[in-house]
PDB file of N, CA and C in Angstrom:
ATOM      1  N   MET A   1       6.612  48.946   7.662  1.00  0.00           N
ATOM      2  CA  MET A   1       6.561  48.845   6.225  1.00  0.00           C
ATOM      3  C   MET A   1       7.960  49.137   5.685  1.00  0.00           C
ATOM      4  N   ASP A   2       8.227  50.302   5.173  1.00  0.00           N
ATOM      5  CA  ASP A   2       9.551  50.682   4.680  1.00  0.00           C
ATOM      6  C   ASP A   2      10.198  49.609   3.825  1.00  0.00           C
ATOM      7  N   GLY A   3       9.451  49.041   2.899  1.00  0.00           N
ATOM      8  CA  GLY A   3       9.994  48.041   1.993  1.00  0.00           C
ATOM      9  C   GLY A   3       9.975  46.629   2.533  1.00  0.00           C
ATOM     10  N   ALA A   4       9.535  46.448   3.774  1.00  0.00           N
ATOM     11  CA  ALA A   4       9.488  45.113   4.361  1.00  0.00           C
ATOM     12  C   ALA A   4       8.287  44.340   3.831  1.00  0.00           C
ATOM     13  N   VAL A   5       8.467  43.046   3.637  1.00  0.00           N
ATOM     14  CA  VAL A   5       7.344  42.189   3.261  1.00  0.00           C
ATOM     15  C   VAL A   5       6.505  41.979   4.517  1.00  0.00           C
ATOM     16  N   VAL A   6       5.212  42.321   4.432  1.00  0.00           N
ATOM     17  CA  VAL A   6       4.370  42.209   5.620  1.00  0.00           C
ATOM     18  C   VAL A   6       3.412  41.028   5.553  1.00  0.00           C
ATOM     19  N   ALA A   7       3.077  40.566   4.336  1.00  0.00           N
ATOM     20  CA  ALA A   7       2.140  39.451   4.238  1.00  0.00           C
ATOM     21  C   ALA A   7       2.067  38.950   2.806  1.00  0.00           C
ATOM     22  N   PRO A   8       1.811  37.649   2.666  1.00  0.00           N
ATOM     23  CA  PRO A   8       1.493  37.154   1.321  1.00  0.00           C
ATOM     24  C   PRO A   8       0.094  37.650   0.947  1.00  0.00           C
ATOM     25  N   ILE A   9      -0.128  37.846  -0.348  1.00  0.00           N
ATOM     26  CA  ILE A   9      -1.426  38.371  -0.780  1.00  0.00           C
ATOM     27  C   ILE A   9      -2.025  37.459  -1.836  1.00  0.00           C
ATOM     28  N   LEU A  10      -3.282  37.138  -1.649  1.00  0.00           N
ATOM     29  CA  LEU A  10      -4.054  36.363  -2.609  1.00  0.00           C
ATOM     30  C   LEU A  10      -4.639  37.356  -3.600  1.00  0.00           C
ATOM     31  N   VAL A  11      -4.585  37.038  -4.898  1.00  0.00           N
ATOM     32  CA  VAL A  11      -5.081  37.953  -5.918  1.00  0.00           C
ATOM     33  C   VAL A  11      -6.375  37.406  -6.498  1.00  0.00           C
ATOM     34  N   ALA A  12      -7.419  38.217  -6.455  1.00  0.00           N
ATOM     35  CA  ALA A  12      -8.694  37.849  -7.077  1.00  0.00           C
ATOM     36  C   ALA A  12      -8.576  38.228  -8.554  1.00  0.00           C
ATOM     37  N   GLN A  13      -8.343  37.232  -9.413  1.00  0.00           N
ATOM     38  CA  GLN A  13      -7.999  37.509 -10.802  1.00  0.00           C
ATOM     39  C   GLN A  13      -9.189  37.555 -11.751  1.00  0.00           C
ATOM     40  N   THR A  14     -10.335  37.103 -11.318  1.00  0.00           N
ATOM     41  CA  THR A  14     -11.499  37.105 -12.202  1.00  0.00           C
ATOM     42  C   THR A  14     -12.601  37.976 -11.602  1.00  0.00           C
ATOM     43  N   TYR A  15     -13.562  38.346 -12.435  1.00  0.00           N
ATOM     44  CA  TYR A  15     -14.695  39.132 -11.963  1.00  0.00           C
ATOM     45  C   TYR A  15     -15.407  38.395 -10.826  1.00  0.00           C
ATOM     46  N   ALA A  16     -15.627  37.096 -10.995  1.00  0.00           N
ATOM     47  CA  ALA A  16     -16.321  36.310  -9.964  1.00  0.00           C
ATOM     48  C   ALA A  16     -15.528  36.295  -8.659  1.00  0.00           C
ATOM     49  N   ALA A  17     -14.215  36.164  -8.755  1.00  0.00           N
ATOM     50  CA  ALA A  17     -13.376  36.155  -7.548  1.00  0.00           C
ATOM     51  C   ALA A  17     -13.407  37.510  -6.862  1.00  0.00           C
ATOM     52  N   ARG A  18     -13.406  38.608  -7.651  1.00  0.00           N
ATOM     53  CA  ARG A  18     -13.497  39.938  -7.051  1.00  0.00           C
ATOM     54  C   ARG A  18     -14.855  40.151  -6.410  1.00  0.00           C
ATOM     55  N   LEU A  19     -15.910  39.677  -7.058  1.00  0.00           N
ATOM     56  CA  LEU A  19     -17.257  39.827  -6.511  1.00  0.00           C
ATOM     57  C   LEU A  19     -17.389  39.083  -5.186  1.00  0.00           C
ATOM     58  N   ARG A  20     -16.803  37.894  -5.105  1.00  0.00           N
ATOM     59  CA  ARG A  20     -16.879  37.102  -3.872  1.00  0.00           C
ATOM     60  C   ARG A  20     -16.008  37.699  -2.772  1.00  0.00           C
ATOM     61  N   GLY A  21     -14.802  38.115  -3.120  1.00  0.00           N
ATOM     62  CA  GLY A  21     -13.890  38.666  -2.110  1.00  0.00           C
ATOM     63  C   GLY A  21     -13.706  37.700  -0.951  1.00  0.00           C
ATOM     64  N   LEU A  22     -13.958  38.166   0.258  1.00  0.00           N
ATOM     65  CA  LEU A  22     -13.806  37.330   1.455  1.00  0.00           C
ATOM     66  C   LEU A  22     -15.151  36.849   1.994  1.00  0.00           C
ATOM     67  N   ILE A  23     -16.200  37.015   1.204  1.00  0.00           N
ATOM     68  CA  ILE A  23     -17.545  36.647   1.643  1.00  0.00           C
ATOM     69  C   ILE A  23     -17.617  35.168   2.012  1.00  0.00           C
ATOM     70  N   GLY A  24     -18.200  34.909   3.174  1.00  0.00           N
ATOM     71  CA  GLY A  24     -18.470  33.555   3.621  1.00  0.00           C
ATOM     72  C   GLY A  24     -17.270  32.786   4.135  1.00  0.00           C
ATOM     73  N   ARG A  25     -16.111  33.389   4.163  1.00  0.00           N
ATOM     74  CA  ARG A  25     -14.907  32.675   4.627  1.00  0.00           C
ATOM     75  C   ARG A  25     -14.794  32.774   6.138  1.00  0.00           C
ATOM     76  N   ARG A  26     -14.625  31.655   6.764  1.00  0.00           N
ATOM     77  CA  ARG A  26     -14.391  31.642   8.217  1.00  0.00           C
ATOM     78  C   ARG A  26     -12.909  31.810   8.506  1.00  0.00           C
ATOM     79  N   VAL A  27     -12.062  31.276   7.626  1.00  0.00           N
ATOM     80  CA  VAL A  27     -10.618  31.454   7.743  1.00  0.00           C
ATOM     81  C   VAL A  27     -10.205  32.407   6.625  1.00  0.00           C
ATOM     82  N   LEU A  28      -9.620  33.526   7.006  1.00  0.00           N
ATOM     83  CA  LEU A  28      -9.257  34.548   6.030  1.00  0.00           C
ATOM     84  C   LEU A  28      -7.792  34.407   5.624  1.00  0.00           C
ATOM     85  N   PRO A  29      -7.473  34.711   4.351  1.00  0.00           N
ATOM     86  CA  PRO A  29      -6.062  34.781   3.958  1.00  0.00           C
ATOM     87  C   PRO A  29      -5.422  36.000   4.622  1.00  0.00           C
ATOM     88  N   ASP A  30      -4.095  36.073   4.588  1.00  0.00           N
ATOM     89  CA  ASP A  30      -3.402  37.231   5.175  1.00  0.00           C
ATOM     90  C   ASP A  30      -3.855  38.527   4.518  1.00  0.00           C
ATOM     91  N   ALA A  31      -4.091  38.491   3.215  1.00  0.00           N
ATOM     92  CA  ALA A  31      -4.569  39.665   2.487  1.00  0.00           C
ATOM     93  C   ALA A  31      -5.121  39.219   1.141  1.00  0.00           C
ATOM     94  N   LEU A  32      -6.052  40.018   0.609  1.00  0.00           N
ATOM     95  CA  LEU A  32      -6.652  39.751  -0.701  1.00  0.00           C
ATOM     96  C   LEU A  32      -6.605  41.036  -1.505  1.00  0.00           C
ATOM     97  N   LEU A  33      -6.117  40.948  -2.750  1.00  0.00           N
ATOM     98  CA  LEU A  33      -6.062  42.096  -3.651  1.00  0.00           C
ATOM     99  C   LEU A  33      -7.176  41.980  -4.675  1.00  0.00           C
ATOM    100  N   LEU A  34      -7.986  43.023  -4.752  1.00  0.00           N
ATOM    101  CA  LEU A  34      -9.055  43.110  -5.741  1.00  0.00           C
ATOM    102  C   LEU A  34      -8.668  44.216  -6.722  1.00  0.00           C
ATOM    103  N   ARG A  35      -8.451  43.860  -7.986  1.00  0.00           N
ATOM    104  CA  ARG A  35      -8.071  44.856  -8.989  1.00  0.00           C
ATOM    105  C   ARG A  35      -8.673  44.471 -10.313  1.00  0.00           C
ATOM    106  N   PRO A  36      -9.388  45.321 -10.982  1.00  0.00           N
ATOM    107  CA  PRO A  36      -9.686  46.701 -10.626  1.00  0.00           C
ATOM    108  C   PRO A  36     -10.819  46.768  -9.609  1.00  0.00           C
ATOM    109  N   ALA A  37     -10.743  47.725  -8.725  1.00  0.00           N
ATOM    110  CA  ALA A  37     -11.794  47.970  -7.731  1.00  0.00           C
ATOM    111  C   ALA A  37     -11.526  49.311  -7.066  1.00  0.00           C
ATOM    112  N   ASN A  38     -12.601  50.009  -6.688  1.00  0.00           N
ATOM    113  CA  ASN A  38     -12.429  51.237  -5.925  1.00  0.00           C
ATOM    114  C   ASN A  38     -13.400  51.308  -4.747  1.00  0.00           C
ATOM    115  N   SER A  39     -14.134  50.210  -4.519  1.00  0.00           N
ATOM    116  CA  SER A  39     -15.022  50.102  -3.365  1.00  0.00           C
ATOM    117  C   SER A  39     -15.333  48.618  -3.166  1.00  0.00           C
ATOM    118  N   VAL A  40     -15.848  48.297  -1.988  1.00  0.00           N
ATOM    119  CA  VAL A  40     -16.235  46.911  -1.685  1.00  0.00           C
ATOM    120  C   VAL A  40     -17.468  46.924  -0.794  1.00  0.00           C
ATOM    121  N   HIS A  41     -18.079  45.766  -0.672  1.00  0.00           N
ATOM    122  CA  HIS A  41     -19.234  45.618   0.211  1.00  0.00           C
ATOM    123  C   HIS A  41     -18.986  44.438   1.144  1.00  0.00           C
ATOM    124  N   GLY A  42     -19.734  44.410   2.233  1.00  0.00           N
ATOM    125  CA  GLY A  42     -19.596  43.338   3.211  1.00  0.00           C
ATOM    126  C   GLY A  42     -20.823  42.448   3.287  1.00  0.00           C
ATOM    127  N   VAL A  43     -21.657  42.460   2.240  1.00  0.00           N
ATOM    128  CA  VAL A  43     -22.845  41.606   2.229  1.00  0.00           C
ATOM    129  C   VAL A  43     -22.390  40.149   2.268  1.00  0.00           C
ATOM    130  N   GLY A  44     -22.858  39.425   3.247  1.00  0.00           N
ATOM    131  CA  GLY A  44     -22.477  38.025   3.402  1.00  0.00           C
ATOM    132  C   GLY A  44     -21.212  37.799   4.207  1.00  0.00           C
ATOM    133  N   MET A  45     -20.562  38.885   4.665  1.00  0.00           N
ATOM    134  CA  MET A  45     -19.349  38.733   5.472  1.00  0.00           C
ATOM    135  C   MET A  45     -19.715  38.186   6.847  1.00  0.00           C
ATOM    136  N   LEU A  46     -18.807  37.412   7.402  1.00  0.00           N
ATOM    137  CA  LEU A  46     -19.016  36.828   8.718  1.00  0.00           C
ATOM    138  C   LEU A  46     -18.300  37.616   9.817  1.00  0.00           C
ATOM    139  N   VAL A  47     -17.261  38.365   9.435  1.00  0.00           N
ATOM    140  CA  VAL A  47     -16.455  39.127  10.406  1.00  0.00           C
ATOM    141  C   VAL A  47     -16.097  40.481   9.815  1.00  0.00           C
ATOM    142  N   SER A  48     -15.681  41.400  10.658  1.00  0.00           N
ATOM    143  CA  SER A  48     -15.180  42.692  10.200  1.00  0.00           C
ATOM    144  C   SER A  48     -13.781  42.514   9.616  1.00  0.00           C
ATOM    145  N   ILE A  49     -13.443  43.338   8.617  1.00  0.00           N
ATOM    146  CA  ILE A  49     -12.128  43.274   7.985  1.00  0.00           C
ATOM    147  C   ILE A  49     -11.563  44.674   7.802  1.00  0.00           C
ATOM    148  N   ASP A  50     -10.246  44.748   7.607  1.00  0.00           N
ATOM    149  CA  ASP A  50      -9.587  45.989   7.213  1.00  0.00           C
ATOM    150  C   ASP A  50      -9.680  46.102   5.697  1.00  0.00           C
ATOM    151  N   VAL A  51      -9.911  47.321   5.213  1.00  0.00           N
ATOM    152  CA  VAL A  51     -10.014  47.585   3.777  1.00  0.00           C
ATOM    153  C   VAL A  51      -9.171  48.815   3.457  1.00  0.00           C
ATOM    154  N   ALA A  52      -8.373  48.732   2.398  1.00  0.00           N
ATOM    155  CA  ALA A  52      -7.605  49.879   1.917  1.00  0.00           C
ATOM    156  C   ALA A  52      -7.857  50.045   0.429  1.00  0.00           C
ATOM    157  N   VAL A  53      -8.127  51.271   0.008  1.00  0.00           N
ATOM    158  CA  VAL A  53      -8.264  51.584  -1.411  1.00  0.00           C
ATOM    159  C   VAL A  53      -6.939  52.196  -1.861  1.00  0.00           C
ATOM    160  N   LEU A  54      -6.373  51.652  -2.949  1.00  0.00           N
ATOM    161  CA  LEU A  54      -5.086  52.104  -3.477  1.00  0.00           C
ATOM    162  C   LEU A  54      -5.269  52.755  -4.839  1.00  0.00           C
ATOM    163  N   ASP A  55      -4.412  53.718  -5.158  1.00  0.00           N
ATOM    164  CA  ASP A  55      -4.413  54.249  -6.515  1.00  0.00           C
ATOM    165  C   ASP A  55      -3.495  53.388  -7.377  1.00  0.00           C
ATOM    166  N   SER A  56      -3.309  53.767  -8.632  1.00  0.00           N
ATOM    167  CA  SER A  56      -2.529  52.938  -9.560  1.00  0.00           C
ATOM    168  C   SER A  56      -1.050  52.848  -9.194  1.00  0.00           C
ATOM    169  N   ARG A  57      -0.552  53.759  -8.381  1.00  0.00           N
ATOM    170  CA  ARG A  57       0.845  53.722  -7.928  1.00  0.00           C
ATOM    171  C   ARG A  57       1.005  52.973  -6.606  1.00  0.00           C
ATOM    172  N   GLY A  58      -0.110  52.539  -6.002  1.00  0.00           N
ATOM    173  CA  GLY A  58      -0.039  51.830  -4.732  1.00  0.00           C
ATOM    174  C   GLY A  58      -0.199  52.724  -3.521  1.00  0.00           C
ATOM    175  N   THR A  59      -0.449  54.019  -3.736  1.00  0.00           N
ATOM    176  CA  THR A  59      -0.660  54.929  -2.612  1.00  0.00           C
ATOM    177  C   THR A  59      -2.012  54.627  -1.976  1.00  0.00           C
ATOM    178  N   VAL A  60      -2.018  54.500  -0.667  1.00  0.00           N
ATOM    179  CA  VAL A  60      -3.246  54.219   0.061  1.00  0.00           C
ATOM    180  C   VAL A  60      -4.069  55.497   0.143  1.00  0.00           C
ATOM    181  N   LEU A  61      -5.246  55.463  -0.466  1.00  0.00           N
ATOM    182  CA  LEU A  61      -6.131  56.625  -0.443  1.00  0.00           C
ATOM    183  C   LEU A  61      -6.920  56.698   0.848  1.00  0.00           C
ATOM    184  N   VAL A  62      -7.358  55.549   1.347  1.00  0.00           N
ATOM    185  CA  VAL A  62      -8.168  55.497   2.556  1.00  0.00           C
ATOM    186  C   VAL A  62      -8.114  54.086   3.129  1.00  0.00           C
ATOM    187  N   THR A  63      -8.213  53.985   4.444  1.00  0.00           N
ATOM    188  CA  THR A  63      -8.383  52.688   5.095  1.00  0.00           C
ATOM    189  C   THR A  63      -9.621  52.777   5.970  1.00  0.00           C
ATOM    190  N   LYS A  64     -10.246  51.646   6.197  1.00  0.00           N
ATOM    191  CA  LYS A  64     -11.379  51.611   7.118  1.00  0.00           C
ATOM    192  C   LYS A  64     -11.618  50.179   7.554  1.00  0.00           C
ATOM    193  N   VAL A  65     -12.372  50.028   8.618  1.00  0.00           N
ATOM    194  CA  VAL A  65     -12.836  48.715   9.045  1.00  0.00           C
ATOM    195  C   VAL A  65     -14.213  48.525   8.422  1.00  0.00           C
ATOM    196  N   LEU A  66     -14.364  47.456   7.692  1.00  0.00           N
ATOM    197  CA  LEU A  66     -15.642  47.129   7.057  1.00  0.00           C
ATOM    198  C   LEU A  66     -16.335  46.063   7.891  1.00  0.00           C
ATOM    199  N   ARG A  67     -17.503  46.400   8.384  1.00  0.00           N
ATOM    200  CA  ARG A  67     -18.286  45.457   9.187  1.00  0.00           C
ATOM    201  C   ARG A  67     -19.184  44.631   8.271  1.00  0.00           C
ATOM    202  N   PRO A  68     -19.612  43.448   8.746  1.00  0.00           N
ATOM    203  CA  PRO A  68     -20.524  42.653   7.928  1.00  0.00           C
ATOM    204  C   PRO A  68     -21.720  43.485   7.454  1.00  0.00           C
ATOM    205  N   PHE A  69     -22.048  43.349   6.200  1.00  0.00           N
ATOM    206  CA  PHE A  69     -23.148  44.038   5.517  1.00  0.00           C
ATOM    207  C   PHE A  69     -22.913  45.533   5.330  1.00  0.00           C
ATOM    208  N   GLY A  70     -21.705  46.019   5.647  1.00  0.00           N
ATOM    209  CA  GLY A  70     -21.362  47.416   5.376  1.00  0.00           C
ATOM    210  C   GLY A  70     -20.873  47.567   3.946  1.00  0.00           C
ATOM    211  N   MET A  71     -20.527  48.793   3.579  1.00  0.00           N
ATOM    212  CA  MET A  71     -19.944  49.025   2.261  1.00  0.00           C
ATOM    213  C   MET A  71     -19.072  50.275   2.310  1.00  0.00           C
ATOM    214  N   THR A  72     -18.150  50.342   1.375  1.00  0.00           N
ATOM    215  CA  THR A  72     -17.350  51.551   1.231  1.00  0.00           C
ATOM    216  C   THR A  72     -17.891  52.314   0.037  1.00  0.00           C
ATOM    217  N   ARG A  73     -17.732  53.621   0.055  1.00  0.00           N
ATOM    218  CA  ARG A  73     -18.147  54.401  -1.096  1.00  0.00           C
ATOM    219  C   ARG A  73     -17.052  54.293  -2.152  1.00  0.00           C
ATOM    220  N   PRO A  74     -17.402  54.423  -3.424  1.00  0.00           N
ATOM    221  CA  PRO A  74     -16.360  54.430  -4.467  1.00  0.00           C
ATOM    222  C   PRO A  74     -15.411  55.617  -4.256  1.00  0.00           C
ATOM    223  N   HIS A  75     -14.118  55.384  -4.443  1.00  0.00           N
ATOM    224  CA  HIS A  75     -13.125  56.437  -4.256  1.00  0.00           C
ATOM    225  C   HIS A  75     -12.529  56.824  -5.596  1.00  0.00           C
ATOM    226  N   ARG A  76     -12.660  58.101  -5.938  1.00  0.00           N
ATOM    227  CA  ARG A  76     -12.092  58.609  -7.184  1.00  0.00           C
ATOM    228  C   ARG A  76     -10.591  58.339  -7.191  1.00  0.00           C
ATOM    229  N   GLY A  77     -10.112  57.783  -8.280  1.00  0.00           N
ATOM    230  CA  GLY A  77      -8.690  57.475  -8.401  1.00  0.00           C
ATOM    231  C   GLY A  77      -8.337  56.106  -7.861  1.00  0.00           C
ATOM    232  N   GLY A  78      -9.306  55.421  -7.264  1.00  0.00           N
ATOM    233  CA  GLY A  78      -9.046  54.084  -6.744  1.00  0.00           C
ATOM    234  C   GLY A  78      -8.843  53.080  -7.867  1.00  0.00           C
ATOM    235  N   ASP A  79      -7.815  52.266  -7.733  1.00  0.00           N
ATOM    236  CA  ASP A  79      -7.476  51.271  -8.744  1.00  0.00           C
ATOM    237  C   ASP A  79      -7.574  49.846  -8.189  1.00  0.00           C
ATOM    238  N   ALA A  80      -7.375  49.710  -6.888  1.00  0.00           N
ATOM    239  CA  ALA A  80      -7.359  48.383  -6.263  1.00  0.00           C
ATOM    240  C   ALA A  80      -7.800  48.507  -4.814  1.00  0.00           C
ATOM    241  N   VAL A  81      -8.253  47.394  -4.275  1.00  0.00           N
ATOM    242  CA  VAL A  81      -8.633  47.319  -2.866  1.00  0.00           C
ATOM    243  C   VAL A  81      -7.895  46.139  -2.242  1.00  0.00           C
ATOM    244  N   VAL A  82      -7.355  46.371  -1.064  1.00  0.00           N
ATOM    245  CA  VAL A  82      -6.751  45.292  -0.280  1.00  0.00           C
ATOM    246  C   VAL A  82      -7.666  45.033   0.903  1.00  0.00           C
ATOM    247  N   GLU A  83      -8.016  43.761   1.090  1.00  0.00           N
ATOM    248  CA  GLU A  83      -8.799  43.328   2.251  1.00  0.00           C
ATOM    249  C   GLU A  83      -7.906  42.442   3.101  1.00  0.00           C
ATOM    250  N   ALA A  84      -8.035  42.563   4.411  1.00  0.00           N
ATOM    251  CA  ALA A  84      -7.227  41.766   5.335  1.00  0.00           C
ATOM    252  C   ALA A  84      -7.993  41.591   6.642  1.00  0.00           C
ATOM    253  N   PRO A  85      -7.620  40.586   7.431  1.00  0.00           N
ATOM    254  CA  PRO A  85      -8.277  40.424   8.731  1.00  0.00           C
ATOM    255  C   PRO A  85      -8.146  41.709   9.561  1.00  0.00           C
ATOM    256  N   ARG A  86      -9.185  42.007  10.311  1.00  0.00           N
ATOM    257  CA  ARG A  86      -9.206  43.221  11.142  1.00  0.00           C
ATOM    258  C   ARG A  86      -7.992  43.259  12.056  1.00  0.00           C
ATOM    259  N   GLY A  87      -7.346  44.415  12.107  1.00  0.00           N
ATOM    260  CA  GLY A  87      -6.153  44.597  12.935  1.00  0.00           C
ATOM    261  C   GLY A  87      -4.860  44.448  12.151  1.00  0.00           C
ATOM    262  N   SER A  88      -4.930  43.903  10.943  1.00  0.00           N
ATOM    263  CA  SER A  88      -3.724  43.695  10.132  1.00  0.00           C
ATOM    264  C   SER A  88      -3.042  45.013   9.787  1.00  0.00           C
ATOM    265  N   PHE A  89      -3.819  46.007   9.364  1.00  0.00           N
ATOM    266  CA  PHE A  89      -3.224  47.266   8.929  1.00  0.00           C
ATOM    267  C   PHE A  89      -2.501  47.957  10.076  1.00  0.00           C
ATOM    268  N   ALA A  90      -3.048  47.874  11.275  1.00  0.00           N
ATOM    269  CA  ALA A  90      -2.381  48.473  12.438  1.00  0.00           C
ATOM    270  C   ALA A  90      -1.038  47.785  12.673  1.00  0.00           C
ATOM    271  N   ARG A  91      -0.998  46.467  12.554  1.00  0.00           N
ATOM    272  CA  ARG A  91       0.260  45.728  12.741  1.00  0.00           C
ATOM    273  C   ARG A  91       1.265  46.083  11.653  1.00  0.00           C
ATOM    274  N   TRP A  92       0.791  46.284  10.439  1.00  0.00           N
ATOM    275  CA  TRP A  92       1.675  46.572   9.311  1.00  0.00           C
ATOM    276  C   TRP A  92       2.049  48.038   9.209  1.00  0.00           C
ATOM    277  N   GLY A  93       1.328  48.921   9.895  1.00  0.00           N
ATOM    278  CA  GLY A  93       1.555  50.347   9.763  1.00  0.00           C
ATOM    279  C   GLY A  93       0.985  50.912   8.470  1.00  0.00           C
ATOM    280  N   LEU A  94      -0.031  50.282   7.925  1.00  0.00           N
ATOM    281  CA  LEU A  94      -0.651  50.716   6.668  1.00  0.00           C
ATOM    282  C   LEU A  94      -1.703  51.773   6.963  1.00  0.00           C
ATOM    283  N   THR A  95      -1.438  52.994   6.531  1.00  0.00           N
ATOM    284  CA  THR A  95      -2.337  54.124   6.754  1.00  0.00           C
ATOM    285  C   THR A  95      -2.478  54.912   5.456  1.00  0.00           C
ATOM    286  N   ALA A  96      -3.452  55.816   5.412  1.00  0.00           N
ATOM    287  CA  ALA A  96      -3.639  56.678   4.255  1.00  0.00           C
ATOM    288  C   ALA A  96      -2.343  57.429   3.985  1.00  0.00           C
ATOM    289  N   GLY A  97      -1.931  57.471   2.725  1.00  0.00           N
ATOM    290  CA  GLY A  97      -0.705  58.141   2.320  1.00  0.00           C
ATOM    291  C   GLY A  97       0.475  57.200   2.181  1.00  0.00           C
ATOM    292  N   ALA A  98       0.420  56.025   2.814  1.00  0.00           N
ATOM    293  CA  ALA A  98       1.492  55.047   2.675  1.00  0.00           C
ATOM    294  C   ALA A  98       1.484  54.516   1.237  1.00  0.00           C
ATOM    295  N   VAL A  99       2.615  54.016   0.800  1.00  0.00           N
ATOM    296  CA  VAL A  99       2.702  53.420  -0.525  1.00  0.00           C
ATOM    297  C   VAL A  99       2.931  51.923  -0.361  1.00  0.00           C
ATOM    298  N   ALA A 100       2.018  51.136  -0.882  1.00  0.00           N
ATOM    299  CA  ALA A 100       2.125  49.678  -0.804  1.00  0.00           C
ATOM    300  C   ALA A 100       2.735  49.155  -2.098  1.00  0.00           C
ATOM    301  N   THR A 101       3.698  48.296  -1.983  1.00  0.00           N
ATOM    302  CA  THR A 101       4.252  47.624  -3.146  1.00  0.00           C
ATOM    303  C   THR A 101       3.748  46.195  -3.110  1.00  0.00           C
ATOM    304  N   ILE A 102       3.071  45.814  -4.168  1.00  0.00           N
ATOM    305  CA  ILE A 102       2.513  44.465  -4.235  1.00  0.00           C
ATOM    306  C   ILE A 102       3.251  43.711  -5.327  1.00  0.00           C
ATOM    307  N   GLU A 103       3.930  42.658  -4.912  1.00  0.00           N
ATOM    308  CA  GLU A 103       4.701  41.849  -5.843  1.00  0.00           C
ATOM    309  C   GLU A 103       3.951  40.579  -6.146  1.00  0.00           C
ATOM    310  N   ILE A 104       3.585  40.416  -7.414  1.00  0.00           N
ATOM    311  CA  ILE A 104       2.867  39.213  -7.852  1.00  0.00           C
ATOM    312  C   ILE A 104       3.907  38.244  -8.401  1.00  0.00           C
ATOM    313  N   ARG A 105       3.960  37.069  -7.820  1.00  0.00           N
ATOM    314  CA  ARG A 105       4.922  36.058  -8.269  1.00  0.00           C
ATOM    315  C   ARG A 105       4.202  34.940  -8.994  1.00  0.00           C
ATOM    316  N   GLY A 106       4.866  34.442 -10.042  1.00  0.00           N
ATOM    317  CA  GLY A 106       4.391  33.282 -10.806  1.00  0.00           C
ATOM    318  C   GLY A 106       2.951  33.291 -11.049  1.00  0.00           C
TER     319      GLY A 106
END
């Protein structure tokens, strides 16, 4: 990490897009940002994914692997959730306490 760009991120900009998240997708984007959000569910998911809850400054509050039909509990102070294919966070070094900078272009 350390300021390095690790992946492009798709932004779920509407309520419907946040509700859908990665549900039903066989091909996953590198990452998906859900904001506002402080928890997610895996109802309808086809594969396990990495999930990180971020506060408003981008600090990672918690990471976990979300299995199909699983759910995360709401996290106090959570402002956004990042979803990514399973194993992505390990490759990126994204752990609780890390600070993620998300740059939205155009």
